[in-house]
C-alpha atoms as a PDB file:
ATOM      1  CA  MET A   1     -35.507  18.376 290.290  1.00  0.00           C
ATOM      2  CA  LEU A   2     -34.366  21.660 290.103  1.00  0.00           C
ATOM      3  CA  PRO A   3     -35.701  24.486 292.307  1.00  0.00           C
ATOM      4  CA  PRO A   4     -38.231  27.328 291.086  1.00  0.00           C
ATOM      5  CA  ARG A   5     -36.887  29.404 288.513  1.00  0.00           C
ATOM      6  CA  ARG A   6     -37.155  32.421 290.703  1.00  0.00           C
ATOM      7  CA  PHE A   7     -33.958  31.088 292.640  1.00  0.00           C
ATOM      8  CA  PHE A   8     -31.840  31.354 289.580  1.00  0.00           C
ATOM      9  CA  PRO A   9     -29.891  34.317 289.045  1.00  0.00           C
ATOM     10  CA  SER A  10     -29.491  35.346 285.405  1.00  0.00           C
ATOM     11  CA  PHE A  11     -26.234  34.448 283.318  1.00  0.00           C
ATOM     12  CA  SER A  12     -25.234  37.892 282.934  1.00  0.00           C
ATOM     13  CA  LEU A  13     -25.434  38.827 286.903  1.00  0.00           C
ATOM     14  CA  LEU A  14     -23.319  35.757 287.497  1.00  0.00           C
ATOM     15  CA  ILE A  15     -20.534  36.456 284.896  1.00  0.00           C
ATOM     16  CA  ALA A  16     -20.176  40.015 286.115  1.00  0.00           C
ATOM     17  CA  PHE A  17     -20.088  38.831 290.032  1.00  0.00           C
ATOM     18  CA  GLU A  18     -17.687  36.134 289.025  1.00  0.00           C
ATOM     19  CA  ALA A  19     -15.294  38.559 287.359  1.00  0.00           C
ATOM     20  CA  ALA A  20     -15.257  41.384 289.917  1.00  0.00           C
ATOM     21  CA  SER A  21     -14.711  38.466 292.644  1.00  0.00           C
ATOM     22  CA  ARG A  22     -11.843  37.215 290.641  1.00  0.00           C
ATOM     23  CA  THR A  23     -10.179  40.315 289.778  1.00  0.00           C
ATOM     24  CA  GLY A  24     -11.116  42.163 293.166  1.00  0.00           C
ATOM     25  CA  SER A  25     -12.257  45.130 290.733  1.00  0.00           C
ATOM     26  CA  VAL A  26     -15.118  46.264 289.034  1.00  0.00           C
ATOM     27  CA  THR A  27     -13.099  48.469 286.695  1.00  0.00           C
ATOM     28  CA  ALA A  28     -10.912  45.102 285.849  1.00  0.00           C
ATOM     29  CA  ALA A  29     -14.102  43.234 285.579  1.00  0.00           C
ATOM     30  CA  ALA A  30     -15.865  45.712 283.162  1.00  0.00           C
ATOM     31  CA  LYS A  31     -12.999  45.978 281.217  1.00  0.00           C
ATOM     32  CA  GLU A  32     -12.716  42.027 280.834  1.00  0.00           C
ATOM     33  CA  LEU A  33     -16.163  41.964 279.895  1.00  0.00           C
ATOM     34  CA  GLY A  34     -16.659  44.866 277.392  1.00  0.00           C
ATOM     35  CA  LEU A  35     -18.848  46.711 279.784  1.00  0.00           C
ATOM     36  CA  THR A  36     -18.830  50.223 281.217  1.00  0.00           C
ATOM     37  CA  GLN A  37     -18.286  50.170 285.071  1.00  0.00           C
ATOM     38  CA  SER A  38     -21.809  51.286 286.135  1.00  0.00           C
ATOM     39  CA  ALA A  39     -22.999  48.358 284.099  1.00  0.00           C
ATOM     40  CA  VAL A  40     -20.959  45.828 286.186  1.00  0.00           C
ATOM     41  CA  SER A  41     -21.776  47.439 289.306  1.00  0.00           C
ATOM     42  CA  ARG A  42     -25.563  47.413 288.634  1.00  0.00           C
ATOM     43  CA  GLN A  43     -25.253  44.044 287.664  1.00  0.00           C
ATOM     44  CA  ILE A  44     -23.762  43.020 291.091  1.00  0.00           C
ATOM     45  CA  SER A  45     -26.395  45.140 292.860  1.00  0.00           C
ATOM     46  CA  ALA A  46     -29.183  43.189 291.247  1.00  0.00           C
ATOM     47  CA  LEU A  47     -27.809  40.035 292.387  1.00  0.00           C
ATOM     48  CA  GLU A  48     -27.232  41.010 295.819  1.00  0.00           C
ATOM     49  CA  SER A  49     -31.003  42.079 296.012  1.00  0.00           C
ATOM     50  CA  GLN A  50     -32.374  39.008 294.710  1.00  0.00           C
ATOM     51  CA  LEU A  51     -30.257  37.253 296.857  1.00  0.00           C
ATOM     52  CA  GLY A  52     -30.939  39.473 299.437  1.00  0.00           C
ATOM     53  CA  ALA A  53     -27.318  39.158 300.669  1.00  0.00           C
ATOM     54  CA  ALA A  54     -24.266  41.742 300.308  1.00  0.00           C
ATOM     55  CA  LEU A  55     -21.569  40.191 298.379  1.00  0.00           C
ATOM     56  CA  PHE A  56     -18.938  42.843 298.630  1.00  0.00           C
ATOM     57  CA  LEU A  57     -17.902  45.475 301.166  1.00  0.00           C
ATOM     58  CA  ARG A  58     -17.599  48.791 299.226  1.00  0.00           C
ATOM     59  CA  GLU A  59     -14.595  50.692 300.829  1.00  0.00           C
ATOM     60  CA  ARG A  60     -13.858  53.819 298.883  1.00  0.00           C
ATOM     61  CA  GLN A  61     -12.476  52.754 295.527  1.00  0.00           C
ATOM     62  CA  THR A  62     -12.208  49.275 296.298  1.00  0.00           C
ATOM     63  CA  ILE A  63     -14.476  46.283 296.769  1.00  0.00           C
ATOM     64  CA  ARG A  64     -13.751  43.328 298.888  1.00  0.00           C
ATOM     65  CA  LEU A  65     -15.732  39.911 299.184  1.00  0.00           C
ATOM     66  CA  THR A  66     -17.699  39.137 302.532  1.00  0.00           C
ATOM     67  CA  LEU A  67     -17.521  35.775 303.774  1.00  0.00           C
ATOM     68  CA  ALA A  68     -20.878  34.978 302.170  1.00  0.00           C
ATOM     69  CA  GLY A  69     -19.686  36.465 298.812  1.00  0.00           C
ATOM     70  CA  ASP A  70     -16.544  34.451 298.873  1.00  0.00           C
ATOM     71  CA  THR A  71     -18.190  31.045 299.864  1.00  0.00           C
ATOM     72  CA  TYR A  72     -20.478  32.096 296.919  1.00  0.00           C
ATOM     73  CA  ALA A  73     -17.878  33.366 294.531  1.00  0.00           C
ATOM     74  CA  ARG A  74     -16.360  29.784 294.851  1.00  0.00           C
ATOM     75  CA  GLU A  75     -19.472  27.919 293.949  1.00  0.00           C
ATOM     76  CA  VAL A  76     -20.008  30.066 291.219  1.00  0.00           C
ATOM     77  CA  ARG A  77     -16.783  29.814 289.647  1.00  0.00           C
ATOM     78  CA  GLU A  78     -17.142  26.074 289.774  1.00  0.00           C
ATOM     79  CA  ALA A  79     -20.496  25.896 288.157  1.00  0.00           C
ATOM     80  CA  LEU A  80     -19.337  28.519 285.322  1.00  0.00           C
ATOM     81  CA  ARG A  81     -16.119  26.219 284.993  1.00  0.00           C
ATOM     82  CA  ARG A  82     -18.635  23.005 284.229  1.00  0.00           C
ATOM     83  CA  ILE A  83     -20.878  24.684 281.922  1.00  0.00           C
ATOM     84  CA  SER A  84     -18.049  25.936 280.073  1.00  0.00           C
ATOM     85  CA  SER A  85     -16.378  22.535 279.926  1.00  0.00           C
ATOM     86  CA  ALA A  86     -19.899  21.059 278.841  1.00  0.00           C
ATOM     87  CA  SER A  87     -20.109  23.507 276.237  1.00  0.00           C
ATOM     88  CA  LEU A  88     -16.618  22.643 274.674  1.00  0.00           C
ATOM     89  CA  ASN A  89     -17.413  19.171 274.940  1.00  0.00           C
ATOM     90  CA  LEU A  90     -20.495  19.806 272.840  1.00  0.00           C
ATOM     91  CA  ARG A  91     -18.775  22.056 270.356  1.00  0.00           C
ATOM     92  CA  ALA A  92     -15.937  19.139 269.758  1.00  0.00           C
ATOM     93  CA  ASN A  93     -18.317  16.322 269.271  1.00  0.00           C
ATOM     94  CA  PRO A  94     -21.821  17.598 268.518  1.00  0.00           C
ATOM     95  CA  SER A  95     -23.199  14.478 268.127  1.00  0.00           C
ATOM     96  CA  GLY A  96     -22.597  13.731 271.805  1.00  0.00           C
ATOM     97  CA  GLY A  97     -21.125  10.644 273.175  1.00  0.00           C
ATOM     98  CA  THR A  98     -18.244  12.312 274.930  1.00  0.00           C
ATOM     99  CA  LEU A  99     -16.719  10.406 278.106  1.00  0.00           C
ATOM    100  CA  ASN A 100     -14.195  12.730 280.293  1.00  0.00           C
ATOM    101  CA  LEU A 101     -11.531  10.379 281.816  1.00  0.00           C
ATOM    102  CA  ALA A 102      -9.089  10.711 284.386  1.00  0.00           C
ATOM    103  CA  VAL A 103      -6.023   9.040 283.805  1.00  0.00           C
ATOM    104  CA  LEU A 104      -2.630   8.217 285.457  1.00  0.00           C
ATOM    105  CA  PRO A 105      -0.189  10.013 283.799  1.00  0.00           C
ATOM    106  CA  PHE A 106       2.115   6.755 282.679  1.00  0.00           C
ATOM    107  CA  PHE A 107      -0.625   4.777 282.413  1.00  0.00           C
ATOM    108  CA  GLY A 108      -2.421   7.191 279.946  1.00  0.00           C
ATOM    109  CA  ALA A 109       0.760   7.823 277.801  1.00  0.00           C
ATOM    110  CA  ARG A 110       2.152   4.295 277.762  1.00  0.00           C
ATOM    111  CA  TRP A 111      -0.877   1.860 277.817  1.00  0.00           C
ATOM    112  CA  LEU A 112      -4.199   3.618 277.023  1.00  0.00           C
ATOM    113  CA  THR A 113      -3.375   6.596 274.385  1.00  0.00           C
ATOM    114  CA  PRO A 114      -1.873   4.197 272.046  1.00  0.00           C
ATOM    115  CA  ARG A 115      -4.904   2.367 271.694  1.00  0.00           C
ATOM    116  CA  ILE A 116      -7.681   4.834 272.098  1.00  0.00           C
ATOM    117  CA  GLY A 117      -7.812   4.864 268.154  1.00  0.00           C
ATOM    118  CA  ARG A 118      -9.127   1.244 268.235  1.00  0.00           C
ATOM    119  CA  PHE A 119     -11.840   2.571 270.599  1.00  0.00           C
ATOM    120  CA  SER A 120     -12.944   5.647 268.070  1.00  0.00           C
ATOM    121  CA  LYS A 121     -12.882   3.041 265.143  1.00  0.00           C
ATOM    122  CA  LYS A 122     -15.130   0.736 266.742  1.00  0.00           C
ATOM    123  CA  HIS A 123     -17.237   3.693 268.319  1.00  0.00           C
ATOM    124  CA  PRO A 124     -17.111   6.348 265.789  1.00  0.00           C
ATOM    125  CA  GLY A 125     -19.494   8.797 267.229  1.00  0.00           C
ATOM    126  CA  MET A 126     -18.124   8.759 270.747  1.00  0.00           C
ATOM    127  CA  MET A 127     -15.035  10.890 272.178  1.00  0.00           C
ATOM    128  CA  VAL A 128     -12.989   9.982 274.975  1.00  0.00           C
ATOM    129  CA  ASN A 129     -11.088  13.436 276.633  1.00  0.00           C
ATOM    130  CA  LEU A 130      -8.051  12.139 278.947  1.00  0.00           C
ATOM    131  CA  ILE A 131      -7.541  14.521 281.783  1.00  0.00           C
ATOM    132  CA  THR A 132      -4.404  13.532 283.960  1.00  0.00           C
ATOM    133  CA  ARG A 133      -5.219  13.032 287.826  1.00  0.00           C
ATOM    134  CA  LEU A 134      -2.536  11.340 290.364  1.00  0.00           C
ATOM    135  CA  GLU A 135      -5.024  11.431 293.184  1.00  0.00           C
ATOM    136  CA  PRO A 136      -8.872  10.469 293.821  1.00  0.00           C
ATOM    137  CA  PHE A 137     -10.985  13.130 293.727  1.00  0.00           C
ATOM    138  CA  ASP A 138     -15.089  13.767 294.681  1.00  0.00           C
ATOM    139  CA  PHE A 139     -16.913  13.104 291.698  1.00  0.00           C
ATOM    140  CA  ARG A 140     -19.587  15.050 293.092  1.00  0.00           C
ATOM    141  CA  PHE A 141     -17.501  18.296 292.494  1.00  0.00           C
ATOM    142  CA  ASP A 142     -16.032  17.531 288.916  1.00  0.00           C
ATOM    143  CA  THR A 143     -17.029  17.255 285.401  1.00  0.00           C
ATOM    144  CA  LEU A 144     -15.272  13.797 285.078  1.00  0.00           C
ATOM    145  CA  ASP A 145     -17.216  10.910 284.256  1.00  0.00           C
ATOM    146  CA  ALA A 146     -14.718   8.066 285.373  1.00  0.00           C
ATOM    147  CA  ALA A 147     -11.241   7.315 286.259  1.00  0.00           C
ATOM    148  CA  ILE A 148      -8.429   4.991 286.009  1.00  0.00           C
ATOM    149  CA  HIS A 149      -7.498   4.242 289.987  1.00  0.00           C
ATOM    150  CA  PHE A 150      -4.623   2.427 290.917  1.00  0.00           C
ATOM    151  CA  GLY A 151      -4.569   1.214 294.592  1.00  0.00           C
ATOM    152  CA  THR A 152      -7.091  -0.740 296.953  1.00  0.00           C
ATOM    153  CA  ALA A 153     -10.545  -1.141 295.790  1.00  0.00           C
ATOM    154  CA  HIS A 154     -11.863   1.739 297.461  1.00  0.00           C
ATOM    155  CA  TRP A 155     -12.854   5.036 296.206  1.00  0.00           C
ATOM    156  CA  PRO A 156     -15.872   6.971 298.447  1.00  0.00           C
ATOM    157  CA  GLY A 157     -18.985   7.856 296.610  1.00  0.00           C
ATOM    158  CA  ALA A 158     -17.604   5.603 293.535  1.00  0.00           C
ATOM    159  CA  GLU A 159     -18.580   2.165 292.086  1.00  0.00           C
ATOM    160  CA  LEU A 160     -15.451   0.152 291.029  1.00  0.00           C
ATOM    161  CA  THR A 161     -14.775  -2.186 287.945  1.00  0.00           C
ATOM    162  CA  PHE A 162     -11.383  -4.403 288.443  1.00  0.00           C
ATOM    163  CA  LEU A 163      -9.102  -4.065 285.371  1.00  0.00           C
ATOM    164  CA  LEU A 164      -5.914  -5.844 286.014  1.00  0.00           C
ATOM    165  CA  GLN A 165      -3.600  -6.596 288.688  1.00  0.00           C
ATOM    166  CA  GLU A 166      -0.065  -5.105 288.443  1.00  0.00           C
ATOM    167  CA  ASP A 167       3.146  -6.947 288.391  1.00  0.00           C
ATOM    168  CA  VAL A 168       6.474  -4.850 289.001  1.00  0.00           C
ATOM    169  CA  VAL A 169       9.786  -6.123 288.265  1.00  0.00           C
ATOM    170  CA  PRO A 170      12.906  -4.812 289.226  1.00  0.00           C
ATOM    171  CA  VAL A 171      14.682  -3.429 286.410  1.00  0.00           C
ATOM    172  CA  CYS A 172      18.134  -1.604 285.121  1.00  0.00           C
ATOM    173  CA  SER A 173      19.794  -1.007 281.929  1.00  0.00           C
ATOM    174  CA  PRO A 174      22.172  -4.122 280.357  1.00  0.00           C
ATOM    175  CA  ASP A 175      25.365  -2.022 281.168  1.00  0.00           C
ATOM    176  CA  PHE A 176      24.187  -1.326 284.819  1.00  0.00           C
ATOM    177  CA  LYS A 177      23.681  -4.922 285.461  1.00  0.00           C
ATOM    178  CA  THR A 178      26.957  -6.001 284.084  1.00  0.00           C
ATOM    179  CA  ARG A 179      28.815  -3.195 286.032  1.00  0.00           C
ATOM    180  CA  HIS A 180      27.049  -4.274 289.601  1.00  0.00           C
ATOM    181  CA  GLY A 181      27.264  -8.027 289.123  1.00  0.00           C
ATOM    182  CA  LEU A 182      23.374  -8.264 289.606  1.00  0.00           C
ATOM    183  CA  SER A 183      22.146 -11.969 290.209  1.00  0.00           C
ATOM    184  CA  GLY A 184      20.373 -11.800 293.303  1.00  0.00           C
ATOM    185  CA  PRO A 185      18.614  -9.380 295.982  1.00  0.00           C
ATOM    186  CA  THR A 186      21.194  -9.097 297.723  1.00  0.00           C
ATOM    187  CA  ASP A 187      23.309  -7.530 294.970  1.00  0.00           C
ATOM    188  CA  VAL A 188      20.305  -5.181 294.324  1.00  0.00           C
ATOM    189  CA  LEU A 189      20.570  -4.083 297.837  1.00  0.00           C
ATOM    190  CA  ARG A 190      24.204  -2.857 297.339  1.00  0.00           C
ATOM    191  CA  ALA A 191      23.077  -0.894 294.017  1.00  0.00           C
ATOM    192  CA  PRO A 192      21.853   2.527 293.347  1.00  0.00           C
ATOM    193  CA  ILE A 193      18.029   1.906 293.565  1.00  0.00           C
ATOM    194  CA  LEU A 194      15.537   4.712 292.424  1.00  0.00           C
ATOM    195  CA  HIS A 195      12.229   5.372 294.525  1.00  0.00           C
ATOM    196  CA  LEU A 196       8.779   6.547 293.457  1.00  0.00           C
ATOM    197  CA  ASN A 197       7.533   8.976 296.157  1.00  0.00           C
ATOM    198  CA  THR A 198       3.886   7.954 295.643  1.00  0.00           C
ATOM    199  CA  ARG A 199       5.141   4.176 296.483  1.00  0.00           C
ATOM    200  CA  PRO A 200       7.448   5.051 299.455  1.00  0.00           C
ATOM    201  CA  ASP A 201       7.570   1.607 300.603  1.00  0.00           C
ATOM    202  CA  ALA A 202       7.809  -0.584 297.601  1.00  0.00           C
ATOM    203  CA  TRP A 203      11.432  -1.430 297.806  1.00  0.00           C
ATOM    204  CA  GLU A 204      10.893  -2.314 301.487  1.00  0.00           C
ATOM    205  CA  THR A 205       7.980  -4.624 300.405  1.00  0.00           C
ATOM    206  CA  TRP A 206      10.193  -5.940 297.834  1.00  0.00           C
ATOM    207  CA  PHE A 207      13.144  -6.828 299.860  1.00  0.00           C
ATOM    208  CA  THR A 208      10.990  -8.562 302.597  1.00  0.00           C
ATOM    209  CA  SER A 209       8.972 -10.511 299.604  1.00  0.00           C
ATOM    210  CA  HIS A 210      12.459 -11.649 298.915  1.00  0.00           C
ATOM    211  CA  ALA A 211      13.720 -12.304 302.622  1.00  0.00           C
ATOM    212  CA  THR A 212      16.349  -9.679 302.173  1.00  0.00           C
ATOM    213  CA  PRO A 213      17.153  -7.757 305.855  1.00  0.00           C
ATOM    214  CA  PHE A 214      18.081  -4.123 305.242  1.00  0.00           C
ATOM    215  CA  GLU A 215      18.504  -1.476 307.524  1.00  0.00           C
ATOM    216  CA  SER A 216      17.799   1.555 305.483  1.00  0.00           C
ATOM    217  CA  LEU A 217      16.972   2.337 301.785  1.00  0.00           C
ATOM    218  CA  HIS A 218      18.377   5.476 300.123  1.00  0.00           C
ATOM    219  CA  GLY A 219      18.579   6.639 296.534  1.00  0.00           C
ATOM    220  CA  MET A 220      16.865   9.397 293.922  1.00  0.00           C
ATOM    221  CA  LEU A 221      13.743  10.138 294.289  1.00  0.00           C
ATOM    222  CA  PHE A 222      10.926  10.639 291.461  1.00  0.00           C
ATOM    223  CA  ASP A 223       7.347  11.965 291.341  1.00  0.00           C
ATOM    224  CA  GLN A 224       6.437  10.173 288.292  1.00  0.00           C
ATOM    225  CA  PHE A 225       7.057   6.868 286.348  1.00  0.00           C
ATOM    226  CA  ALA A 226       8.166   8.973 283.137  1.00  0.00           C
ATOM    227  CA  PRO A 227      11.214  10.160 284.489  1.00  0.00           C
ATOM    228  CA  MET A 228      12.268   7.253 286.251  1.00  0.00           C
ATOM    229  CA  VAL A 229      12.184   5.136 283.070  1.00  0.00           C
ATOM    230  CA  GLU A 230      14.336   7.466 281.508  1.00  0.00           C
ATOM    231  CA  ALA A 231      16.967   7.587 284.585  1.00  0.00           C
ATOM    232  CA  VAL A 232      16.786   3.939 284.502  1.00  0.00           C
ATOM    233  CA  VAL A 233      17.801   3.388 280.991  1.00  0.00           C
ATOM    234  CA  ALA A 234      20.402   5.776 281.281  1.00  0.00           C
ATOM    235  CA  GLY A 235      22.147   3.581 283.759  1.00  0.00           C
ATOM    236  CA  LEU A 236      21.397   5.580 286.744  1.00  0.00           C
ATOM    237  CA  GLY A 237      19.871   2.503 289.028  1.00  0.00           C
ATOM    238  CA  VAL A 238      17.301  -0.030 289.505  1.00  0.00           C
ATOM    239  CA  ALA A 239      13.887   0.663 289.702  1.00  0.00           C
ATOM    240  CA  LEU A 240      10.591  -1.178 290.247  1.00  0.00           C
ATOM    241  CA  LEU A 241       8.306  -0.837 287.486  1.00  0.00           C
ATOM    242  CA  PRO A 242       4.986  -2.008 286.359  1.00  0.00           C
ATOM    243  CA  ARG A 243       5.970  -4.849 283.875  1.00  0.00           C
ATOM    244  CA  PHE A 244       3.208  -4.018 281.250  1.00  0.00           C
ATOM    245  CA  LEU A 245       3.731  -0.501 280.939  1.00  0.00           C
ATOM    246  CA  ILE A 246       7.863  -0.874 280.032  1.00  0.00           C
ATOM    247  CA  ALA A 247       7.156  -3.480 277.515  1.00  0.00           C
ATOM    248  CA  ARG A 248       8.929  -1.335 274.809  1.00  0.00           C
ATOM    249  CA  GLU A 249      11.976  -1.024 276.832  1.00  0.00           C
ATOM    250  CA  LEU A 250      12.368  -4.916 277.384  1.00  0.00           C
ATOM    251  CA  GLU A 251      11.777  -5.727 273.708  1.00  0.00           C
ATOM    252  CA  GLN A 252      14.292  -3.089 272.857  1.00  0.00           C
ATOM    253  CA  ALA A 253      16.675  -4.254 275.268  1.00  0.00           C
ATOM    254  CA  LEU A 254      16.856  -1.032 276.842  1.00  0.00           C
ATOM    255  CA  LEU A 255      16.000  -2.629 280.177  1.00  0.00           C
ATOM    256  CA  VAL A 256      16.342  -6.028 281.477  1.00  0.00           C
ATOM    257  CA  SER A 257      15.505  -7.815 284.777  1.00  0.00           C
ATOM    258  CA  ALA A 258      17.745  -7.005 287.578  1.00  0.00           C
ATOM    259  CA  ILE A 259      17.567 -10.491 288.757  1.00  0.00           C
ATOM    260  CA  GLU A 260      15.683 -13.859 287.799  1.00  0.00           C
ATOM    261  CA  ASN A 261      12.100 -14.183 289.337  1.00  0.00           C
ATOM    262  CA  GLY A 262      12.394 -10.893 290.583  1.00  0.00           C
ATOM    263  CA  GLY A 263       8.458 -10.026 290.045  1.00  0.00           C
ATOM    264  CA  MET A 264       5.995  -8.774 292.728  1.00  0.00           C
ATOM    265  CA  GLN A 265       2.410  -8.115 292.559  1.00  0.00           C
ATOM    266  CA  THR A 266       1.415  -4.966 293.883  1.00  0.00           C
ATOM    267  CA  SER A 267      -2.210  -3.476 293.875  1.00  0.00           C
ATOM    268  CA  GLY A 268      -4.554  -3.224 291.100  1.00  0.00           C
ATOM    269  CA  TYR A 269      -6.116  -1.190 288.522  1.00  0.00           C
ATOM    270  CA  HIS A 270      -9.815   0.032 288.527  1.00  0.00           C
ATOM    271  CA  LEU A 271     -12.318   1.803 286.550  1.00  0.00           C
ATOM    272  CA  ALA A 272     -13.894   4.239 288.790  1.00  0.00           C
ATOM    273  CA  CYS A 273     -17.338   6.317 288.149  1.00  0.00           C
ATOM    274  CA  PRO A 274     -20.110   7.445 290.248  1.00  0.00           C
ATOM    275  CA  PRO A 275     -23.080   5.552 290.557  1.00  0.00           C
ATOM    276  CA  ASP A 276     -25.109   8.136 288.497  1.00  0.00           C
ATOM    277  CA  ARG A 277     -22.676   7.205 285.496  1.00  0.00           C
ATOM    278  CA  VAL A 278     -22.565   3.685 285.699  1.00  0.00           C
ATOM    279  CA  SER A 279     -25.074   3.157 282.575  1.00  0.00           C
ATOM    280  CA  TYR A 280     -24.207   6.306 280.852  1.00  0.00           C
ATOM    281  CA  PRO A 281     -23.701   4.672 277.071  1.00  0.00           C
ATOM    282  CA  PRO A 282     -20.082   6.141 276.400  1.00  0.00           C
ATOM    283  CA  LEU A 283     -18.863   4.778 279.520  1.00  0.00           C
ATOM    284  CA  THR A 284     -20.776   1.556 279.084  1.00  0.00           C
ATOM    285  CA  ALA A 285     -18.994   1.274 275.592  1.00  0.00           C
ATOM    286  CA  PHE A 286     -15.614   2.385 277.088  1.00  0.00           C
ATOM    287  CA  ARG A 287     -15.701  -0.202 279.662  1.00  0.00           C
ATOM    288  CA  THR A 288     -16.581  -3.115 277.490  1.00  0.00           C
ATOM    289  CA  TRP A 289     -13.482  -2.212 275.366  1.00  0.00           C
ATOM    290  CA  LEU A 290     -11.199  -1.839 277.908  1.00  0.00           C
ATOM    291  CA  LEU A 291     -12.095  -5.281 279.451  1.00  0.00           C
ATOM    292  CA  GLU A 292     -11.344  -6.623 275.955  1.00  0.00           C
ATOM    293  CA  GLU A 293      -8.307  -5.015 275.496  1.00  0.00           C
ATOM    294  CA  ILE A 294      -6.759  -6.267 278.829  1.00  0.00           C
ATOM    295  CA  ALA A 295      -8.122  -9.904 278.209  1.00  0.00           C
ATOM    296  CA  ALA A 296      -6.204  -9.452 274.743  1.00  0.00           C
ATOM    297  CA  ASP A 297      -2.788  -8.191 276.275  1.00  0.00           C
ATOM    298  CA  THR A 298      -3.204 -11.229 279.144  1.00  0.00           C
ATOM    299  CA  LYS A 299      -3.349 -13.751 276.319  1.00  0.00           C
ATOM    300  CA  ILE A 300      -0.716 -12.451 274.571  1.00  0.00           C
ATOM    301  CA  ARG A 301       1.788 -12.610 277.860  1.00  0.00           C
ATOM    302  CA  ASP A 302       0.566 -15.766 278.436  1.00  0.00           C
ATOM    303  CA  ARG A 303       1.445 -17.134 275.312  1.00  0.00           C
ATOM    304  CA  LEU A 304       5.029 -15.623 275.317  1.00  0.00           C
ATOM    305  CA  ARG A 305       5.696 -16.774 278.874  1.00  0.00           C
ATOM    306  CA  THR A 306       4.523 -20.443 277.471  1.00  0.00           C
ATOM    307  CA  GLU A 307       6.743 -19.959 274.218  1.00  0.00           C
ATOM    308  CA  ALA A 308       9.529 -18.695 276.428  1.00  0.00           C
END
């Protein structure tokens, strides 16, 4: 329930305040908003009177946010951003049914984006906006409805739906495998290996699971999967990559398994959302569709393994 309307400053006052707080100048704010300097000054004064607090310190021809004003500016700016985002979503999809989804970059580019057309065809009145996020965030302070999460089944303030378990495999280019004579974990240990900085202990876990002692593991470091895949294809080393996200390179023989039976299960992928969004129709439809797509992929992979 919203508080009484008397506690809501007018939109024009908030916009004038936000512009002045961001630019640090009434003159710059007036120019940005197409108003006179005196008009912006009056709007800020009116806002201060309504709130009963000073938002700026006036020092000759300059202004500086007070401590209270700085805190208020951050909250107002976020509120205006959310209103702007909601308005843009409505303009883009006047019929409603917009889902703002946070995705991991490589998962979004390799697995999800190529399939989104099928969701749109099945649900023509719904739109999915994809926003890249690498880390969990607080849904209370964001405009996102849901997120694809990789890791343990834990996200404070969110409900999780399990999607699939990840299986990583050590891969390299065919030429690299021949040049380095890779056939077992010890051979991999002697070859250049590539690391992902968001999974710093991945190789340690892999060598330990294959009973291969090691002292230190050095190699090129990457911050995302996409450039790492290109580096592996170029023959720069061996990398641990999610098998289902490099299906294209494996099918085209751009990449091969560095050793036989080198796969290792890691963590799982989940669909995370705040409790108040669980029954949101676009999210409900997307969740059902996503699970159907994953089930279909699993059947295909199982059949290929059987045939092999």
